[in-house]
Protein backbone atom coordinates (compact mmCIF):
# COMPACT_ATOMS: atom_id res chain seq x y z
CA MET A 1 23.11 -14.93 53.31
CA SER A 2 24.16 -12.09 51.02
CA GLY A 3 20.79 -11.33 49.31
CA GLU A 4 20.53 -9.35 46.13
CA GLY A 5 23.59 -8.03 44.41
CA GLU A 6 25.31 -7.36 41.14
CA GLY A 7 25.33 -10.33 38.82
CA LYS A 8 22.46 -12.05 40.65
CA ILE A 9 19.06 -12.70 39.06
CA LYS A 10 16.12 -13.79 41.22
CA LEU A 11 14.42 -16.87 39.78
CA GLY A 12 11.46 -16.81 42.04
CA LYS A 13 10.20 -18.16 45.28
CA ALA A 14 10.68 -21.89 45.69
CA ASP A 15 8.79 -24.38 47.78
CA VAL A 16 11.25 -26.23 50.02
CA TYR A 17 10.40 -29.46 51.76
CA ILE A 18 12.08 -32.09 53.96
CA HIS A 19 10.97 -35.32 52.27
CA ILE A 20 10.95 -38.22 54.76
CA LYS A 21 12.20 -41.65 53.75
CA GLY A 22 9.24 -44.01 53.11
CA LYS A 23 6.70 -41.25 52.47
CA SER A 24 5.48 -40.23 49.03
CA ASN A 25 7.99 -42.67 47.39
CA ALA A 26 11.10 -41.26 49.01
CA ARG A 27 13.93 -43.85 49.19
CA ILE A 28 16.02 -41.70 51.45
CA THR A 29 15.29 -38.54 53.44
CA HIS A 30 16.23 -35.51 51.40
CA ILE A 31 15.42 -31.88 50.73
CA ASP A 32 13.11 -31.03 47.74
CA ILE A 33 13.47 -27.58 46.19
CA GLU A 34 10.56 -27.12 43.82
CA LEU A 35 10.75 -24.28 41.25
CA ASP A 36 9.97 -24.75 37.60
CA GLU A 37 12.72 -22.34 36.58
CA LEU A 38 15.31 -24.78 38.04
CA ASN A 39 14.33 -27.43 35.41
CA LYS A 40 15.54 -25.06 32.68
CA ILE A 41 19.04 -25.48 34.21
CA ILE A 42 19.10 -28.91 35.85
CA LYS A 43 17.18 -31.53 33.79
CA ASP A 44 15.21 -34.36 35.36
CA GLY A 45 17.62 -37.14 36.42
CA GLU A 46 20.83 -35.07 36.27
CA SER A 47 23.00 -34.79 39.34
CA THR A 48 25.03 -31.86 40.70
CA TYR A 49 26.37 -30.94 44.09
CA VAL A 50 25.29 -28.68 46.99
CA GLY A 51 27.39 -26.94 49.50
CA GLY A 52 26.69 -25.10 52.62
CA LYS A 53 27.15 -21.40 53.10
CA SER A 54 26.35 -18.92 55.75
CA GLY A 55 22.51 -18.52 55.77
CA GLY A 56 21.78 -21.27 53.21
CA VAL A 57 23.24 -23.45 50.49
CA PHE A 58 24.56 -23.08 46.98
CA ILE A 59 24.05 -25.49 44.07
CA GLY A 60 27.12 -26.07 42.01
CA LEU A 61 26.52 -26.40 38.23
CA LYS A 62 28.28 -28.67 35.63
CA LYS A 63 29.40 -27.22 32.31
CA GLU A 64 26.32 -28.27 30.41
CA MET A 65 24.09 -26.73 33.11
CA ILE A 66 26.11 -23.46 33.00
CA LYS A 67 25.57 -23.30 29.19
CA ARG A 68 21.81 -23.79 29.71
CA ILE A 69 21.56 -21.06 32.34
CA GLU A 70 23.64 -18.67 30.29
CA ASN A 71 21.50 -19.27 27.22
CA SER A 72 18.15 -19.08 29.09
CA LEU A 73 19.03 -15.98 31.09
CA SER A 74 21.17 -14.07 28.62
CA LEU A 75 18.26 -11.74 27.70
CA LYS A 76 17.57 -11.05 31.44
CA LEU A 77 21.23 -10.27 32.02
CA GLN A 78 21.31 -7.86 29.01
CA LYS A 79 18.20 -6.05 30.27
CA LYS A 80 19.48 -5.74 33.81
CA LYS A 81 22.79 -4.39 32.48
CA GLN A 82 21.07 -1.79 30.33
CA LYS A 83 19.01 -0.62 33.39
CA GLY A 84 22.04 -0.61 35.69
């Protein structure tokens, strides 16, 4: 895991759960990552992909998701660049 670095903006601390099939309406066992900020990028019902990396995972974004994140975080990026 690489941690903080140039071009990275911390969204917050997420709650991460293993959700077991048959419990709390889960149809299959899966991992839930719960963080309100993620819903500004990935809308309810949309799909994307996840890949493994050393120390964690990454979430790949589709073009429309990338546009959303760039729009919602553009001010944060500009402020960080000005401080930098």
